[in-house]
Amino acid sequence: MSGKVRTIIKLTTLAAPLLAAIPATAGDPMLLYDREGLAFRAHLQAGLNAVAEGNMFWNFADMFAPSTGYDADKQWLEGYLKPGISFTNAFDGGVILYGKGSVVISGTLGIDAYDNGNTGRITLEEGYLGLRYGRDAVPSFDVSFGPREFKAGTGMLIANGGNSGFERGALKFGPRKAWKTAAIGRFAFQDFKAALFYLSPNELPDSSSGTTLVGAELRYDWAPGSFAGVTVGHVLESSSPYAQAAAGGIGPPGILPGGRDGLNFINLYAIGKPFPGTMENLFAGGEFAYEWNSRIDLAAWAGRVHVGYVFADLPWSPTLALAYQTFSGDDPFTSRLERFDPLFYEGSPSSWSTGSKSSMVFINSNVNAFQASLRVTPTERDTLTLRYAHIRANELRSPIQFGQGTRVEIDGGIPSPVAGVTSHHLSDDIFLEYNRVLNPHTFLTVGASVSFPGAGIDSVVNSAAPTWIGGFANVVVNF
């Protein structure tokens, strides 16, 4: 691993000074034109990321696909550019016409985690027009149509509208966030906000699910950083299949073509300071989601609770946070389907990922995790975060991701095909991340992580699975 680490450090050492040298111009350096209510502004995001991995996916390929010659030790370099331009045109009476267009230019040098690389694509990211009106203490509205980013609530179900990786490159960065089609209406009055949305994701052409969904959100902000709300939605159409556990967990999982089609969902959330004025440094939150689809007899659920405290009076202002999240899996002893569909969740380590390494294997279905994090800020420009996740399966002999890992096991002397795992403990992930603000527009991030397989992973390979290790270093510019 030392050679890989040296590669990461060398690439980062070369890239960081170049990107950090971009001047932090006073004011708005990207303002192109501003006169008589009409303004045009340029935008630019760029990133360069060096990644090294060892024993990827706990060397599952040696068990399930030895003929492919998959190399579980990987190093690759990925990057992206996202240039764009936006405008606003203010009219008398407070009405504003606005819009934005941008593209993503991304690529990967080397072979990445999913055995793709030395490729890249240019795709449209944003391309929307909108109209908004709003003044203090009066109702406001904002309607828009066209590709753009949109997140409901905390991103438990609706957040990531675009796919990266594979032929598009930039797997880890995932620079595409905008929905391919987005019609959004927002309305606000004082502390209440509402939104109506129609969305279709920007998926990879070869694996597009054809999903379109509609929904609504109502949110109440009772204090800065404290809010509660509810999101409801319905999948109008989708070809995305669902996996269902075999009866009794014996046999390969069944596949329901178009299982997502017609899915209904509701997401309730409350985040903030439970005791404002008395314990200002304490924060907490809770979420619950329920999904149902009578067409395929589906009923699934998920939830999370978390609590944290900022020790503002201690050196480096440590922030300690604890969380528990769980997503239902399909019970192999019922005829009903209980597999939770995480839809288009925000999968960053600080949001809804389940573990660090493990989140590349497990989507948020049939898993639960106890997670802890400790963040310190030695200076205003430096942040160090340590994250730990203990990850377990909710249902044994039931698909965890989509049914991968189907294999034959001996039960009472009888060979039987099974899917999922036969022990609840999946893995323990540790992730150390360092962030440095090089200047107001340039950010350096270096991270290292390790995933220790549990008895559940060992049961899949029928031996002691190896420890999965890796690291990365990236520089991002944002104007």
Protein backbone atom coordinates (compact mmCIF):
# COMPACT_ATOMS: atom_id res chain seq x y z
CA MET A 1 0.00 0.00 0.00
CA SER A 2 2.91 2.38 0.55
CA GLY A 3 3.50 2.71 -3.18
CA LYS A 4 -0.13 3.68 -3.72
CA VAL A 5 0.02 6.24 -0.95
CA ARG A 6 3.12 7.76 -2.53
CA THR A 7 1.28 7.98 -5.84
CA ILE A 8 -1.61 9.84 -4.22
CA ILE A 9 0.70 12.26 -2.43
CA LYS A 10 2.69 12.95 -5.60
CA LEU A 11 -0.41 13.68 -7.70
CA THR A 12 -1.90 15.88 -5.00
CA THR A 13 1.37 17.74 -4.50
CA LEU A 14 1.42 18.55 -8.20
CA ALA A 15 -2.25 19.55 -8.44
CA ALA A 16 -2.82 21.52 -5.23
CA PRO A 17 -0.42 24.42 -5.88
CA LEU A 18 -1.73 24.85 -9.42
CA LEU A 19 -5.37 25.08 -8.38
CA ALA A 20 -4.65 27.02 -5.20
CA ALA A 21 -2.89 29.65 -7.30
CA ILE A 22 -6.22 30.76 -8.77
CA PRO A 23 -6.68 34.24 -7.29
CA ALA A 24 -9.41 34.94 -4.77
CA THR A 25 -10.60 38.17 -6.40
CA ALA A 26 -12.48 40.63 -4.24
CA GLY A 27 -16.18 41.02 -4.98
CA ASP A 28 -17.64 38.76 -7.65
CA PRO A 29 -14.89 37.77 -10.13
CA MET A 30 -17.38 35.90 -12.31
CA LEU A 31 -19.82 38.76 -12.90
CA LEU A 32 -19.85 39.40 -16.65
CA TYR A 33 -22.55 42.06 -16.98
CA ASP A 34 -24.78 43.97 -14.57
CA ARG A 35 -26.86 46.85 -15.84
CA GLU A 36 -30.47 48.03 -15.57
CA GLY A 37 -31.63 44.90 -13.79
CA LEU A 38 -30.00 42.42 -16.19
CA ALA A 39 -27.00 40.44 -14.95
CA PHE A 40 -24.93 37.63 -16.44
CA ARG A 41 -22.57 35.55 -14.31
CA ALA A 42 -20.07 32.83 -15.21
CA HIS A 43 -19.65 29.72 -13.05
CA LEU A 44 -16.88 27.16 -12.77
CA GLN A 45 -16.31 24.03 -10.75
CA ALA A 46 -13.29 21.80 -11.26
CA GLY A 47 -11.77 18.89 -9.44
CA LEU A 48 -8.86 16.45 -9.57
CA ASN A 49 -8.94 13.26 -7.49
CA ALA A 50 -6.31 10.53 -7.02
CA VAL A 51 -7.59 7.23 -5.61
CA ALA A 52 -5.89 4.03 -4.44
CA GLU A 53 -7.68 0.91 -3.21
CA GLY A 54 -6.53 -2.48 -1.95
CA ASN A 55 -8.58 -5.68 -1.63
CA MET A 56 -11.59 -3.94 -3.14
CA PHE A 57 -14.96 -5.43 -2.25
CA TRP A 58 -13.13 -7.76 0.16
CA ASN A 59 -11.90 -9.70 -2.92
CA PHE A 60 -15.40 -10.96 -3.74
CA ALA A 61 -14.34 -11.36 -7.39
CA ASP A 62 -12.07 -14.27 -6.48
CA MET A 63 -15.14 -16.12 -5.19
CA PHE A 64 -17.86 -15.17 -7.66
CA ALA A 65 -16.07 -14.25 -10.90
CA PRO A 66 -12.54 -15.70 -10.90
CA SER A 67 -12.52 -15.97 -14.71
CA THR A 68 -12.82 -12.20 -15.15
CA GLY A 69 -9.31 -11.55 -13.83
CA TYR A 70 -10.56 -8.62 -11.76
CA ASP A 71 -7.68 -6.86 -9.99
CA ALA A 72 -8.78 -5.92 -6.48
CA ASP A 73 -5.89 -3.44 -6.14
CA LYS A 74 -6.66 -0.23 -8.03
CA GLN A 75 -5.18 3.19 -8.61
CA TRP A 76 -6.75 5.82 -10.82
CA LEU A 77 -6.94 9.56 -11.43
CA GLU A 78 -10.24 11.28 -12.16
CA GLY A 79 -11.28 14.84 -12.80
CA TYR A 80 -14.04 17.08 -14.02
CA LEU A 81 -14.85 20.59 -15.20
CA LYS A 82 -18.28 22.16 -14.85
CA PRO A 83 -18.44 25.53 -16.61
CA GLY A 84 -21.71 27.42 -16.78
CA ILE A 85 -23.44 30.74 -17.18
CA SER A 86 -26.51 32.16 -15.49
CA PHE A 87 -28.63 35.28 -15.79
CA THR A 88 -31.22 37.24 -13.84
CA ASN A 89 -33.52 39.92 -15.18
CA ALA A 90 -35.37 41.96 -12.56
CA PHE A 91 -38.66 43.61 -13.53
CA ASP A 92 -40.68 46.29 -11.80
CA GLY A 93 -42.76 44.91 -8.97
CA GLY A 94 -40.19 42.40 -7.75
CA VAL A 95 -40.61 39.68 -10.40
CA ILE A 96 -37.33 38.11 -11.56
CA LEU A 97 -36.73 35.97 -14.63
CA TYR A 98 -33.69 33.73 -14.24
CA GLY A 99 -31.92 30.78 -15.79
CA LYS A 100 -28.72 28.77 -15.89
CA GLY A 101 -26.89 26.47 -18.26
CA SER A 102 -23.88 24.25 -17.53
CA VAL A 103 -22.11 21.13 -18.78
CA VAL A 104 -19.96 18.50 -17.08
CA ILE A 105 -16.72 17.42 -18.71
CA SER A 106 -15.45 14.39 -16.81
CA GLY A 107 -13.03 11.54 -17.22
CA THR A 108 -10.94 8.85 -15.58
CA LEU A 109 -7.31 7.96 -16.24
CA GLY A 110 -6.62 4.37 -15.22
CA ILE A 111 -9.07 1.61 -14.28
CA ASP A 112 -11.52 2.39 -11.47
CA ALA A 113 -13.36 0.28 -8.90
CA TYR A 114 -15.88 -1.09 -11.38
CA ASP A 115 -13.24 -2.01 -13.96
CA ASN A 116 -13.95 1.01 -16.15
CA GLY A 117 -11.56 3.76 -17.05
CA ASN A 118 -9.52 5.68 -19.59
CA THR A 119 -12.78 7.24 -20.69
CA GLY A 120 -14.97 10.28 -20.18
CA ARG A 121 -17.97 12.21 -21.45
CA ILE A 122 -19.37 15.71 -21.91
CA THR A 123 -23.00 15.96 -20.82
CA LEU A 124 -25.51 18.70 -20.18
CA GLU A 125 -25.89 19.38 -16.47
CA GLU A 126 -28.19 22.37 -15.97
CA GLY A 127 -30.43 24.09 -18.49
CA TYR A 128 -33.41 25.69 -16.79
CA LEU A 129 -35.51 28.85 -16.85
CA GLY A 130 -37.42 30.17 -13.87
CA LEU A 131 -39.58 32.96 -12.55
CA ARG A 132 -39.62 34.08 -8.93
CA TYR A 133 -41.20 36.74 -6.78
CA GLY A 134 -40.68 37.44 -3.12
CA ARG A 135 -40.59 40.18 -0.56
CA ASP A 136 -40.36 40.19 3.22
CA ALA A 137 -43.52 39.19 5.11
CA VAL A 138 -45.51 38.42 1.95
CA PRO A 139 -46.01 35.12 0.11
CA SER A 140 -43.33 34.31 -2.46
CA PHE A 141 -43.14 31.87 -5.34
CA ASP A 142 -40.44 30.36 -7.53
CA VAL A 143 -41.24 28.16 -10.52
CA SER A 144 -38.72 26.64 -12.91
CA PHE A 145 -38.45 24.06 -15.66
CA GLY A 146 -35.41 22.27 -17.07
CA PRO A 147 -32.45 20.23 -15.85
CA ARG A 148 -31.32 21.39 -12.41
CA GLU A 149 -30.46 20.18 -8.92
CA PHE A 150 -33.18 19.52 -6.38
CA LYS A 151 -33.18 17.91 -2.93
CA ALA A 152 -36.16 17.09 -0.75
CA GLY A 153 -35.67 17.21 3.01
CA THR A 154 -32.24 15.92 4.02
CA GLY A 155 -31.75 13.84 0.88
CA MET A 156 -32.95 10.53 2.34
CA LEU A 157 -34.85 9.70 -0.87
CA ILE A 158 -34.66 12.62 -3.33
CA ALA A 159 -31.28 14.29 -3.90
CA ASN A 160 -28.91 12.84 -6.47
CA GLY A 161 -30.45 13.34 -9.89
CA GLY A 162 -27.43 12.44 -12.01
CA ASN A 163 -25.13 9.45 -12.51
CA SER A 164 -21.37 9.49 -13.06
CA GLY A 165 -18.79 6.74 -13.37
CA PHE A 166 -18.59 3.97 -15.97
CA GLU A 167 -18.33 5.52 -19.46
CA ARG A 168 -18.78 9.01 -17.99
CA GLY A 169 -15.78 8.71 -15.65
CA ALA A 170 -15.25 10.54 -12.33
CA LEU A 171 -16.77 7.69 -10.30
CA LYS A 172 -15.79 8.93 -6.82
CA PHE A 173 -16.38 12.62 -7.50
CA GLY A 174 -19.86 12.05 -8.92
CA PRO A 175 -20.04 15.60 -10.31
CA ARG A 176 -23.46 15.12 -11.92
CA LYS A 177 -26.25 16.07 -9.50
CA ALA A 178 -28.89 17.68 -11.72
CA TRP A 179 -32.10 15.93 -12.77
CA LYS A 180 -32.56 15.44 -16.53
CA THR A 181 -36.09 16.80 -16.28
CA ALA A 182 -37.21 18.97 -13.38
CA ALA A 183 -40.40 20.99 -13.05
CA ILE A 184 -40.37 22.63 -9.62
CA GLY A 185 -42.73 25.05 -7.93
CA ARG A 186 -41.74 26.58 -4.61
CA PHE A 187 -43.94 28.68 -2.36
CA ALA A 188 -43.09 30.35 0.95
CA PHE A 189 -44.74 32.47 3.61
CA GLN A 190 -42.79 33.51 6.69
CA ASP A 191 -41.39 30.29 8.20
CA PHE A 192 -43.37 27.87 6.02
CA LYS A 193 -42.11 26.52 2.70
CA ALA A 194 -43.79 24.23 0.20
CA ALA A 195 -42.68 22.63 -3.04
CA LEU A 196 -44.24 20.64 -5.85
CA PHE A 197 -41.95 18.64 -8.14
CA TYR A 198 -41.85 16.45 -11.23
CA LEU A 199 -38.49 14.74 -11.72
CA SER A 200 -36.69 12.37 -14.06
CA PRO A 201 -33.04 11.39 -13.34
CA ASN A 202 -30.04 11.81 -15.63
CA GLU A 203 -29.03 8.15 -15.64
CA LEU A 204 -26.42 6.28 -17.63
CA PRO A 205 -27.86 5.47 -21.07
CA ASP A 206 -27.05 1.76 -20.85
CA SER A 207 -28.75 1.32 -17.46
CA SER A 208 -31.53 3.88 -17.48
CA SER A 209 -34.57 2.89 -15.40
CA GLY A 210 -36.91 5.34 -17.13
CA THR A 211 -38.09 6.57 -13.73
CA THR A 212 -40.32 9.62 -13.44
CA LEU A 213 -41.84 10.74 -10.16
CA VAL A 214 -43.99 13.49 -8.71
CA GLY A 215 -44.24 14.76 -5.19
CA ALA A 216 -44.74 17.56 -2.72
CA GLU A 217 -42.93 18.85 0.34
CA LEU A 218 -44.02 21.01 3.27
CA ARG A 219 -41.40 22.38 5.65
CA TYR A 220 -41.36 24.61 8.72
CA ASP A 221 -38.20 26.42 9.89
CA TRP A 222 -38.63 27.44 13.51
CA ALA A 223 -35.06 28.67 14.05
CA PRO A 224 -31.80 28.94 12.08
CA GLY A 225 -30.67 25.38 11.37
CA SER A 226 -33.82 23.88 12.89
CA PHE A 227 -36.63 22.59 10.68
CA ALA A 228 -39.26 19.91 10.30
CA GLY A 229 -41.15 18.69 7.29
CA VAL A 230 -42.82 15.99 5.27
CA THR A 231 -42.26 14.81 1.69
CA VAL A 232 -44.73 12.64 -0.19
CA GLY A 233 -44.32 11.21 -3.67
CA HIS A 234 -45.38 8.72 -6.31
CA VAL A 235 -43.39 6.98 -9.05
CA LEU A 236 -45.35 7.49 -12.26
CA GLU A 237 -43.35 4.96 -14.25
CA SER A 238 -40.15 2.96 -13.96
CA SER A 239 -38.58 -0.17 -15.40
CA SER A 240 -36.33 -0.62 -12.35
CA PRO A 241 -36.65 -4.24 -11.14
CA TYR A 242 -36.89 -5.36 -7.53
CA ALA A 243 -35.27 -8.40 -5.94
CA GLN A 244 -37.34 -10.57 -3.60
CA ALA A 245 -36.03 -13.19 -1.19
CA ALA A 246 -36.78 -16.82 -1.96
CA ALA A 247 -39.29 -18.50 0.33
CA GLY A 248 -37.55 -19.38 3.58
CA GLY A 249 -34.34 -17.88 2.23
CA ILE A 250 -33.58 -21.06 0.29
CA GLY A 251 -32.92 -20.45 -3.39
CA PRO A 252 -31.90 -17.56 -5.60
CA PRO A 253 -33.88 -14.31 -5.21
CA GLY A 254 -36.81 -13.66 -7.49
CA ILE A 255 -36.78 -10.65 -9.80
CA LEU A 256 -39.85 -8.44 -10.23
CA PRO A 257 -39.49 -6.52 -13.54
CA GLY A 258 -40.59 -2.91 -13.17
CA GLY A 259 -41.03 -3.35 -9.42
CA ARG A 260 -40.53 0.37 -8.73
CA ASP A 261 -43.41 1.37 -11.03
CA GLY A 262 -46.26 2.80 -8.96
CA LEU A 263 -44.27 3.11 -5.71
CA ASN A 264 -45.65 5.56 -3.13
CA PHE A 265 -43.53 7.10 -0.38
CA ILE A 266 -43.70 9.46 2.57
CA ASN A 267 -40.73 10.91 4.49
CA LEU A 268 -41.05 12.73 7.82
CA TYR A 269 -38.12 14.60 9.35
CA ALA A 270 -37.19 16.98 12.16
CA ILE A 271 -33.68 18.38 12.59
CA GLY A 272 -32.29 21.06 14.89
CA LYS A 273 -31.66 22.19 18.43
CA PRO A 274 -34.10 20.53 20.85
CA PHE A 275 -33.34 22.95 23.70
CA PRO A 276 -32.65 26.39 22.17
CA GLY A 277 -31.58 29.00 24.66
CA THR A 278 -30.47 26.44 27.26
CA MET A 279 -28.30 23.90 25.39
CA GLU A 280 -27.31 25.78 22.24
CA ASN A 281 -24.53 23.33 21.39
CA LEU A 282 -26.76 20.24 21.37
CA PHE A 283 -28.33 19.15 18.09
CA ALA A 284 -30.50 16.18 17.24
CA GLY A 285 -32.78 14.81 14.58
CA GLY A 286 -35.07 12.03 13.55
CA GLU A 287 -36.46 10.73 10.25
CA PHE A 288 -38.90 8.10 9.13
CA ALA A 289 -39.86 6.90 5.66
CA TYR A 290 -42.58 4.50 4.58
CA GLU A 291 -43.07 3.02 1.11
CA TRP A 292 -45.99 1.03 -0.28
CA ASN A 293 -47.14 -0.37 -3.59
CA SER A 294 -50.35 -2.43 -3.65
CA ARG A 295 -49.62 -3.63 -7.19
CA ILE A 296 -46.80 -5.87 -5.92
CA ASP A 297 -47.82 -6.03 -2.22
CA LEU A 298 -44.85 -3.96 -1.03
CA ALA A 299 -44.59 -2.32 2.39
CA ALA A 300 -41.16 -1.08 3.48
CA TRP A 301 -39.76 1.40 5.97
CA ALA A 302 -36.60 3.16 7.09
CA GLY A 303 -35.53 5.57 9.78
CA ARG A 304 -32.70 7.40 11.48
CA VAL A 305 -32.07 9.11 14.80
CA HIS A 306 -28.99 11.15 15.59
CA VAL A 307 -27.64 13.40 18.31
CA GLY A 308 -24.52 15.52 18.59
CA TYR A 309 -22.79 18.13 20.71
CA VAL A 310 -20.30 20.90 19.93
CA PHE A 311 -17.74 21.32 22.74
CA ALA A 312 -17.18 24.95 21.84
CA ASP A 313 -15.18 25.76 24.99
CA LEU A 314 -12.54 23.08 24.34
CA PRO A 315 -9.49 23.53 22.09
CA TRP A 316 -10.29 22.80 18.41
CA SER A 317 -14.05 22.87 19.23
CA PRO A 318 -14.68 19.11 18.97
CA THR A 319 -18.04 17.99 17.61
CA LEU A 320 -19.18 14.50 18.60
CA ALA A 321 -22.16 12.94 16.82
CA LEU A 322 -23.88 9.55 17.14
CA ALA A 323 -26.46 8.08 14.76
CA TYR A 324 -28.40 4.92 14.08
CA GLN A 325 -30.07 4.29 10.72
CA THR A 326 -31.96 1.27 9.42
CA PHE A 327 -33.60 0.24 6.13
CA SER A 328 -35.95 -2.72 5.96
CA GLY A 329 -35.09 -5.83 3.99
CA ASP A 330 -37.34 -8.47 2.52
CA ASP A 331 -38.42 -11.05 5.09
CA PRO A 332 -38.01 -14.46 3.41
CA PHE A 333 -40.77 -15.92 5.61
CA THR A 334 -43.55 -13.66 4.33
CA SER A 335 -45.19 -13.34 0.92
CA ARG A 336 -45.12 -9.54 1.17
CA LEU A 337 -42.13 -7.62 -0.22
CA GLU A 338 -40.44 -5.51 2.51
CA ARG A 339 -37.36 -4.42 0.56
CA PHE A 340 -36.79 -0.67 1.05
CA ASP A 341 -36.01 1.32 -2.11
CA PRO A 342 -33.63 4.20 -1.31
CA LEU A 343 -34.50 5.86 -4.65
CA PHE A 344 -32.09 8.72 -5.36
CA TYR A 345 -30.53 9.32 -1.95
CA GLU A 346 -27.55 11.55 -1.17
CA GLY A 347 -24.77 9.07 -0.50
CA SER A 348 -21.94 11.21 0.85
CA PRO A 349 -20.28 10.20 4.17
CA SER A 350 -21.76 13.25 5.87
CA SER A 351 -25.25 12.45 4.62
CA TRP A 352 -26.88 9.05 3.93
CA SER A 353 -24.07 6.67 3.07
CA THR A 354 -23.93 3.42 5.05
CA GLY A 355 -20.25 3.30 5.98
CA SER A 356 -17.38 4.55 3.85
CA LYS A 357 -16.00 1.57 1.91
CA SER A 358 -19.15 -0.47 2.50
CA SER A 359 -21.35 2.16 0.84
CA MET A 360 -19.84 1.06 -2.49
CA VAL A 361 -21.35 -2.39 -1.93
CA PHE A 362 -24.51 -1.81 0.11
CA ILE A 363 -27.26 0.50 -1.01
CA ASN A 364 -29.62 1.64 1.75
CA SER A 365 -31.72 -1.53 1.75
CA ASN A 366 -31.69 -4.42 4.23
CA VAL A 367 -28.94 -2.81 6.30
CA ASN A 368 -28.64 -0.93 9.57
CA ALA A 369 -25.70 0.98 10.94
CA PHE A 370 -24.53 2.54 14.17
CA GLN A 371 -22.33 5.50 13.22
CA ALA A 372 -20.14 7.86 15.22
CA SER A 373 -18.10 10.86 14.14
CA LEU A 374 -15.67 13.24 15.77
CA ARG A 375 -14.76 16.51 14.05
CA VAL A 376 -12.11 18.97 15.21
CA THR A 377 -11.02 22.33 13.76
CA PRO A 378 -7.40 23.09 14.64
CA THR A 379 -7.64 26.35 12.65
CA GLU A 380 -10.36 28.21 10.77
CA ARG A 381 -9.03 26.66 7.55
CA ASP A 382 -8.42 23.09 8.74
CA THR A 383 -10.90 20.37 9.68
CA LEU A 384 -10.20 16.78 10.70
CA THR A 385 -13.05 14.24 10.87
CA LEU A 386 -12.97 10.64 12.10
CA ARG A 387 -15.97 8.44 11.23
CA TYR A 388 -16.83 4.93 12.38
CA ALA A 389 -19.67 2.67 11.19
CA HIS A 390 -20.78 -0.71 12.48
CA ILE A 391 -22.95 -2.22 9.74
CA ARG A 392 -25.37 -5.14 10.01
CA ALA A 393 -27.97 -6.86 7.86
CA ASN A 394 -31.62 -6.65 8.93
CA GLU A 395 -32.78 -9.87 7.24
CA LEU A 396 -30.67 -13.00 6.75
CA ARG A 397 -30.75 -14.96 3.47
CA SER A 398 -32.30 -11.93 1.80
CA PRO A 399 -30.86 -9.63 -0.89
CA ILE A 400 -28.78 -6.83 0.59
CA GLN A 401 -28.06 -4.87 -2.55
CA PHE A 402 -29.78 -6.53 -5.44
CA GLY A 403 -29.14 -10.24 -5.06
CA GLN A 404 -25.42 -10.45 -5.67
CA GLY A 405 -23.72 -13.20 -3.75
CA THR A 406 -26.13 -15.99 -4.62
CA ARG A 407 -24.23 -19.20 -3.89
CA VAL A 408 -24.60 -22.78 -2.75
CA GLU A 409 -24.29 -23.63 0.95
CA ILE A 410 -24.58 -26.98 2.73
CA ASP A 411 -27.46 -27.12 5.22
CA GLY A 412 -27.96 -30.47 6.96
CA GLY A 413 -25.90 -32.18 4.32
CA ILE A 414 -28.12 -30.78 1.55
CA PRO A 415 -26.67 -28.24 -0.91
CA SER A 416 -29.00 -25.21 -1.19
CA PRO A 417 -28.67 -21.93 -3.10
CA VAL A 418 -28.91 -18.87 -0.84
CA ALA A 419 -28.59 -15.11 -1.26
CA GLY A 420 -27.60 -12.40 1.17
CA VAL A 421 -25.74 -13.40 4.33
CA THR A 422 -26.18 -15.95 7.09
CA SER A 423 -24.81 -13.74 9.88
CA HIS A 424 -25.97 -10.20 10.68
CA HIS A 425 -22.59 -8.50 11.15
CA LEU A 426 -21.42 -7.15 7.78
CA SER A 427 -18.48 -4.82 8.41
CA ASP A 428 -16.83 -2.13 10.49
CA ASP A 429 -15.63 0.94 8.59
CA ILE A 430 -13.20 3.61 9.79
CA PHE A 431 -12.72 6.79 7.76
CA LEU A 432 -10.29 9.64 8.53
CA GLU A 433 -10.70 12.80 6.47
CA TYR A 434 -8.72 16.07 6.41
CA ASN A 435 -10.07 19.25 4.78
CA ARG A 436 -8.07 22.39 4.09
CA VAL A 437 -9.38 25.68 2.70
CA LEU A 438 -6.54 26.76 0.42
CA ASN A 439 -8.34 29.98 -0.49
CA PRO A 440 -12.01 31.04 -0.60
CA HIS A 441 -12.50 29.13 -3.85
CA THR A 442 -10.11 26.17 -3.53
CA PHE A 443 -10.38 23.17 -1.19
CA LEU A 444 -8.07 20.24 -0.47
CA THR A 445 -9.36 16.94 0.92
CA VAL A 446 -7.26 13.91 1.88
CA GLY A 447 -8.78 10.73 3.26
CA ALA A 448 -7.96 7.18 4.24
CA SER A 449 -10.40 4.43 5.12
CA VAL A 450 -10.48 0.78 6.05
CA SER A 451 -13.28 -1.79 6.15
CA PHE A 452 -13.00 -4.83 8.39
CA PRO A 453 -15.32 -7.63 7.19
CA GLY A 454 -17.71 -9.15 9.70
CA ALA A 455 -19.08 -12.65 10.01
CA GLY A 456 -21.72 -11.90 7.41
CA ILE A 457 -19.13 -11.08 4.75
CA ASP A 458 -17.06 -14.09 5.78
CA SER A 459 -20.16 -16.25 5.28
CA VAL A 460 -20.43 -15.06 1.69
CA VAL A 461 -16.91 -16.13 0.75
CA ASN A 462 -16.91 -19.07 3.19
CA SER A 463 -13.56 -17.97 4.62
CA ALA A 464 -11.90 -15.05 6.38
CA ALA A 465 -12.33 -12.16 3.93
CA PRO A 466 -9.41 -9.72 3.66
CA THR A 467 -9.47 -6.17 4.99
CA TRP A 468 -10.36 -3.55 2.38
CA ILE A 469 -8.17 -0.43 2.52
CA GLY A 470 -7.85 2.74 0.47
CA GLY A 471 -7.15 6.43 0.30
CA PHE A 472 -7.67 9.48 -1.85
CA ALA A 473 -6.60 13.08 -2.25
CA ASN A 474 -8.42 15.72 -4.21
CA VAL A 475 -8.50 19.42 -4.94
CA VAL A 476 -11.74 21.19 -5.86
CA VAL A 477 -12.24 24.71 -7.20
CA ASN A 478 -15.64 26.37 -6.97
CA PHE A 479 -16.53 29.78 -8.37
